[in-house]
Amino acid sequence: MNGVAATVAMAATLGFASSLHCIGMCGGFSLLLAARREGRLGRLAAFHGGRLLSYAFLGVLARVVPRWISLPMRRGGEVVAAAVGLAAVVGEPLAGTLALMACGAATVPALVAVALVGSRVRGRWRARFASLAGVTTLCVAALTLWRGFAVRSCCAEQ
């Protein structure tokens, strides 16, 4: 396996392993796009195509201006930031672009599954899921604020 193929395989593995993270971040958008039956697959395809093109752009940008990734990597190293970091250090510009696209493409099956299964939930279960989503959103917001204060206090000490 050559270097480009190994990089793309590593990024795809990262994307697949982080599918739960992506469901949390983009699952709501997928559910929204799948809510109406007419044109559901077209909307999902457009959403994921746009997401993959954005990742490709980040891959190109990481090769052109690699220093811009240092801030996201210090703030917790989220999945996309890790993939951008991988794209910044690979030798070939095309490898970085393909790596980010592979990372994003590996999350598509999980997001489409959530959209299609979620669009079939009806009645009492829908109300329960809506309540759970609200509580989860509040918890994530509290965690984000807590992490933000932690980063701010860490930076103030330096």
C-alpha atoms as a PDB file:
ATOM      1  CA  MET A   1       0.000   0.000   0.000  1.00  0.00           C
ATOM      2  CA  ASN A   2       1.479   3.345  -1.019  1.00  0.00           C
ATOM      3  CA  GLY A   3       1.524   6.453   1.166  1.00  0.00           C
ATOM      4  CA  VAL A   4      -1.595   8.048  -0.328  1.00  0.00           C
ATOM      5  CA  ALA A   5      -3.644   4.860   0.031  1.00  0.00           C
ATOM      6  CA  ALA A   6      -2.451   4.381   3.608  1.00  0.00           C
ATOM      7  CA  THR A   7      -3.353   7.963   4.494  1.00  0.00           C
ATOM      8  CA  VAL A   8      -6.803   7.648   2.939  1.00  0.00           C
ATOM      9  CA  ALA A   9      -7.381   4.317   4.714  1.00  0.00           C
ATOM     10  CA  MET A  10      -6.318   5.833   8.035  1.00  0.00           C
ATOM     11  CA  ALA A  11      -8.660   8.801   7.546  1.00  0.00           C
ATOM     12  CA  ALA A  12     -11.553   6.523   6.579  1.00  0.00           C
ATOM     13  CA  THR A  13     -10.948   4.482   9.726  1.00  0.00           C
ATOM     14  CA  LEU A  14     -10.973   7.686  11.765  1.00  0.00           C
ATOM     15  CA  GLY A  15     -14.263   8.692  10.158  1.00  0.00           C
ATOM     16  CA  PHE A  16     -15.862   5.296  10.717  1.00  0.00           C
ATOM     17  CA  ALA A  17     -14.689   5.176  14.346  1.00  0.00           C
ATOM     18  CA  SER A  18     -16.063   8.662  14.952  1.00  0.00           C
ATOM     19  CA  SER A  19     -19.509   7.995  13.495  1.00  0.00           C
ATOM     20  CA  LEU A  20     -21.182   8.425  16.895  1.00  0.00           C
ATOM     21  CA  HIS A  21     -19.588  11.850  17.206  1.00  0.00           C
ATOM     22  CA  CYS A  22     -20.878  12.745  13.749  1.00  0.00           C
ATOM     23  CA  ILE A  23     -24.365  11.515  14.604  1.00  0.00           C
ATOM     24  CA  GLY A  24     -24.324  13.913  17.540  1.00  0.00           C
ATOM     25  CA  MET A  25     -23.075  16.811  15.432  1.00  0.00           C
ATOM     26  CA  CYS A  26     -24.942  16.294  12.141  1.00  0.00           C
ATOM     27  CA  GLY A  27     -27.665  13.793  13.042  1.00  0.00           C
ATOM     28  CA  GLY A  28     -30.216  16.536  13.599  1.00  0.00           C
ATOM     29  CA  PHE A  29     -29.620  17.911  10.112  1.00  0.00           C
ATOM     30  CA  SER A  30     -29.991  14.423   8.644  1.00  0.00           C
ATOM     31  CA  LEU A  31     -33.241  13.892  10.548  1.00  0.00           C
ATOM     32  CA  LEU A  32     -34.580  17.221   9.367  1.00  0.00           C
ATOM     33  CA  LEU A  33     -33.735  16.459   5.739  1.00  0.00           C
ATOM     34  CA  ALA A  34     -35.415  13.045   5.947  1.00  0.00           C
ATOM     35  CA  ALA A  35     -38.592  14.260   7.665  1.00  0.00           C
ATOM     36  CA  ARG A  36     -40.610  14.583   4.450  1.00  0.00           C
ATOM     37  CA  ARG A  37     -40.819  11.496   2.271  1.00  0.00           C
ATOM     38  CA  GLU A  38     -40.785  13.289  -1.122  1.00  0.00           C
ATOM     39  CA  GLY A  39     -37.234  13.974  -2.296  1.00  0.00           C
ATOM     40  CA  ARG A  40     -35.680  12.569   0.890  1.00  0.00           C
ATOM     41  CA  LEU A  41     -32.754  10.820  -0.800  1.00  0.00           C
ATOM     42  CA  GLY A  42     -32.002  13.835  -2.985  1.00  0.00           C
ATOM     43  CA  ARG A  43     -31.836  16.136   0.044  1.00  0.00           C
ATOM     44  CA  LEU A  44     -29.608  13.690   1.923  1.00  0.00           C
ATOM     45  CA  ALA A  45     -27.335  13.283  -1.118  1.00  0.00           C
ATOM     46  CA  ALA A  46     -27.026  17.061  -1.514  1.00  0.00           C
ATOM     47  CA  PHE A  47     -26.254  17.510   2.196  1.00  0.00           C
ATOM     48  CA  HIS A  48     -23.559  14.841   2.271  1.00  0.00           C
ATOM     49  CA  GLY A  49     -22.136  15.947  -1.072  1.00  0.00           C
ATOM     50  CA  GLY A  50     -21.786  19.478   0.271  1.00  0.00           C
ATOM     51  CA  ARG A  51     -20.227  18.172   3.461  1.00  0.00           C
ATOM     52  CA  LEU A  52     -17.664  16.153   1.511  1.00  0.00           C
ATOM     53  CA  LEU A  53     -16.834  19.113  -0.738  1.00  0.00           C
ATOM     54  CA  SER A  54     -16.303  21.248   2.374  1.00  0.00           C
ATOM     55  CA  TYR A  55     -13.937  18.606   3.744  1.00  0.00           C
ATOM     56  CA  ALA A  56     -12.086  18.519   0.413  1.00  0.00           C
ATOM     57  CA  PHE A  57     -11.667  22.294   0.618  1.00  0.00           C
ATOM     58  CA  LEU A  58     -10.311  21.933   4.168  1.00  0.00           C
ATOM     59  CA  GLY A  59      -7.840  19.337   2.874  1.00  0.00           C
ATOM     60  CA  VAL A  60      -6.559  21.750   0.237  1.00  0.00           C
ATOM     61  CA  LEU A  61      -6.436  24.579   2.752  1.00  0.00           C
ATOM     62  CA  ALA A  62      -4.500  22.449   5.233  1.00  0.00           C
ATOM     63  CA  ARG A  63      -1.816  21.851   2.614  1.00  0.00           C
ATOM     64  CA  VAL A  64      -1.639  25.515   1.624  1.00  0.00           C
ATOM     65  CA  VAL A  65      -1.800  27.113   5.087  1.00  0.00           C
ATOM     66  CA  PRO A  66      -0.975  24.392   7.644  1.00  0.00           C
ATOM     67  CA  ARG A  67      -0.486  26.778  10.562  1.00  0.00           C
ATOM     68  CA  TRP A  68      -4.203  27.623  10.873  1.00  0.00           C
ATOM     69  CA  ILE A  69      -4.961  24.193  12.343  1.00  0.00           C
ATOM     70  CA  SER A  70      -3.020  24.762  15.547  1.00  0.00           C
ATOM     71  CA  LEU A  71      -5.911  26.446  17.388  1.00  0.00           C
ATOM     72  CA  PRO A  72      -8.540  23.702  16.829  1.00  0.00           C
ATOM     73  CA  MET A  73      -5.992  21.047  17.729  1.00  0.00           C
ATOM     74  CA  ARG A  74      -5.257  22.765  21.056  1.00  0.00           C
ATOM     75  CA  ARG A  75      -8.926  23.201  21.905  1.00  0.00           C
ATOM     76  CA  GLY A  76      -9.751  19.524  22.135  1.00  0.00           C
ATOM     77  CA  GLY A  77      -8.755  17.963  18.828  1.00  0.00           C
ATOM     78  CA  GLU A  78     -12.200  17.211  17.440  1.00  0.00           C
ATOM     79  CA  VAL A  79     -12.549  14.660  14.670  1.00  0.00           C
ATOM     80  CA  VAL A  80     -12.438  17.063  11.722  1.00  0.00           C
ATOM     81  CA  ALA A  81      -9.512  18.927  13.280  1.00  0.00           C
ATOM     82  CA  ALA A  82      -7.664  15.613  13.635  1.00  0.00           C
ATOM     83  CA  ALA A  83      -8.334  14.787   9.984  1.00  0.00           C
ATOM     84  CA  VAL A  84      -7.212  18.279   8.942  1.00  0.00           C
ATOM     85  CA  GLY A  85      -4.045  17.720  10.978  1.00  0.00           C
ATOM     86  CA  LEU A  86      -3.477  14.467   9.115  1.00  0.00           C
ATOM     87  CA  ALA A  87      -4.025  16.273   5.802  1.00  0.00           C
ATOM     88  CA  ALA A  88      -1.523  18.974   6.790  1.00  0.00           C
ATOM     89  CA  VAL A  89       1.324  16.548   7.411  1.00  0.00           C
ATOM     90  CA  VAL A  90       0.974  14.214   4.426  1.00  0.00           C
ATOM     91  CA  GLY A  91       3.397  14.826   1.608  1.00  0.00           C
ATOM     92  CA  GLU A  92       1.065  15.151  -1.359  1.00  0.00           C
ATOM     93  CA  PRO A  93      -1.703  17.777  -1.625  1.00  0.00           C
ATOM     94  CA  LEU A  94      -4.065  15.282  -3.268  1.00  0.00           C
ATOM     95  CA  ALA A  95      -3.568  12.869  -0.353  1.00  0.00           C
ATOM     96  CA  GLY A  96      -4.751  15.488   2.139  1.00  0.00           C
ATOM     97  CA  THR A  97      -7.850  16.238   0.114  1.00  0.00           C
ATOM     98  CA  LEU A  98      -8.673  12.560  -0.389  1.00  0.00           C
ATOM     99  CA  ALA A  99      -8.027  11.857   3.300  1.00  0.00           C
ATOM    100  CA  LEU A 100     -10.580  14.412   4.444  1.00  0.00           C
ATOM    101  CA  MET A 101     -13.120  13.223   1.900  1.00  0.00           C
ATOM    102  CA  ALA A 102     -12.586   9.618   3.034  1.00  0.00           C
ATOM    103  CA  CYS A 103     -13.041  10.626   6.665  1.00  0.00           C
ATOM    104  CA  GLY A 104     -16.339  12.309   5.839  1.00  0.00           C
ATOM    105  CA  ALA A 105     -17.519   9.551   3.496  1.00  0.00           C
ATOM    106  CA  ALA A 106     -17.007   6.934   6.206  1.00  0.00           C
ATOM    107  CA  THR A 107     -19.607   8.716   8.357  1.00  0.00           C
ATOM    108  CA  VAL A 108     -22.289   8.851   5.647  1.00  0.00           C
ATOM    109  CA  PRO A 109     -23.761   5.359   6.285  1.00  0.00           C
ATOM    110  CA  ALA A 110     -24.341   6.079   9.983  1.00  0.00           C
ATOM    111  CA  LEU A 111     -25.905   9.471   9.281  1.00  0.00           C
ATOM    112  CA  VAL A 112     -28.170   8.099   6.553  1.00  0.00           C
ATOM    113  CA  ALA A 113     -29.213   5.227   8.839  1.00  0.00           C
ATOM    114  CA  VAL A 114     -30.121   7.683  11.605  1.00  0.00           C
ATOM    115  CA  ALA A 115     -32.104   9.772   9.131  1.00  0.00           C
ATOM    116  CA  LEU A 116     -34.035   6.853   7.683  1.00  0.00           C
ATOM    117  CA  VAL A 117     -34.728   5.147  11.016  1.00  0.00           C
ATOM    118  CA  GLY A 118     -35.534   8.442  12.726  1.00  0.00           C
ATOM    119  CA  SER A 119     -38.004   9.416  10.030  1.00  0.00           C
ATOM    120  CA  ARG A 120     -40.016   6.281  10.836  1.00  0.00           C
ATOM    121  CA  VAL A 121     -40.456   7.068  14.546  1.00  0.00           C
ATOM    122  CA  ARG A 122     -44.049   8.058  15.335  1.00  0.00           C
ATOM    123  CA  GLY A 123     -46.385   8.856  18.218  1.00  0.00           C
ATOM    124  CA  ARG A 124     -45.252   8.582  21.823  1.00  0.00           C
ATOM    125  CA  TRP A 125     -41.711   7.606  20.857  1.00  0.00           C
ATOM    126  CA  ARG A 126     -41.261  10.780  18.846  1.00  0.00           C
ATOM    127  CA  ALA A 127     -42.240  12.886  21.872  1.00  0.00           C
ATOM    128  CA  ARG A 128     -39.841  10.894  24.082  1.00  0.00           C
ATOM    129  CA  PHE A 129     -37.001  11.332  21.626  1.00  0.00           C
ATOM    130  CA  ALA A 130     -37.745  15.056  21.394  1.00  0.00           C
ATOM    131  CA  SER A 131     -37.542  15.344  25.190  1.00  0.00           C
ATOM    132  CA  LEU A 132     -34.330  13.336  25.275  1.00  0.00           C
ATOM    133  CA  ALA A 133     -32.876  15.537  22.521  1.00  0.00           C
ATOM    134  CA  GLY A 134     -33.723  18.666  24.518  1.00  0.00           C
ATOM    135  CA  VAL A 135     -32.068  17.352  27.671  1.00  0.00           C
ATOM    136  CA  THR A 136     -29.047  16.177  25.684  1.00  0.00           C
ATOM    137  CA  THR A 137     -28.724  19.600  24.038  1.00  0.00           C
ATOM    138  CA  LEU A 138     -28.749  21.318  27.430  1.00  0.00           C
ATOM    139  CA  CYS A 139     -26.102  18.908  28.749  1.00  0.00           C
ATOM    140  CA  VAL A 140     -23.879  19.475  25.715  1.00  0.00           C
ATOM    141  CA  ALA A 141     -24.330  23.251  26.073  1.00  0.00           C
ATOM    142  CA  ALA A 142     -23.304  23.053  29.743  1.00  0.00           C
ATOM    143  CA  LEU A 143     -20.289  20.923  28.831  1.00  0.00           C
ATOM    144  CA  THR A 144     -19.284  23.360  26.097  1.00  0.00           C
ATOM    145  CA  LEU A 145     -19.474  26.297  28.512  1.00  0.00           C
ATOM    146  CA  TRP A 146     -17.483  24.374  31.117  1.00  0.00           C
ATOM    147  CA  ARG A 147     -14.791  23.494  28.562  1.00  0.00           C
ATOM    148  CA  GLY A 148     -14.737  27.098  27.348  1.00  0.00           C
ATOM    149  CA  PHE A 149     -14.122  28.377  30.852  1.00  0.00           C
ATOM    150  CA  ALA A 150     -11.424  25.733  31.329  1.00  0.00           C
ATOM    151  CA  VAL A 151      -9.638  26.815  28.132  1.00  0.00           C
ATOM    152  CA  ARG A 152      -9.980  30.467  29.095  1.00  0.00           C
ATOM    153  CA  SER A 153      -8.516  29.897  32.555  1.00  0.00           C
ATOM    154  CA  CYS A 154      -5.743  27.793  31.051  1.00  0.00           C
ATOM    155  CA  CYS A 155      -4.852  30.543  28.565  1.00  0.00           C
ATOM    156  CA  ALA A 156      -5.028  33.228  31.289  1.00  0.00           C
ATOM    157  CA  GLU A 157      -2.395  31.368  33.328  1.00  0.00           C
ATOM    158  CA  GLN A 158       0.127  31.498  30.491  1.00  0.00           C
END
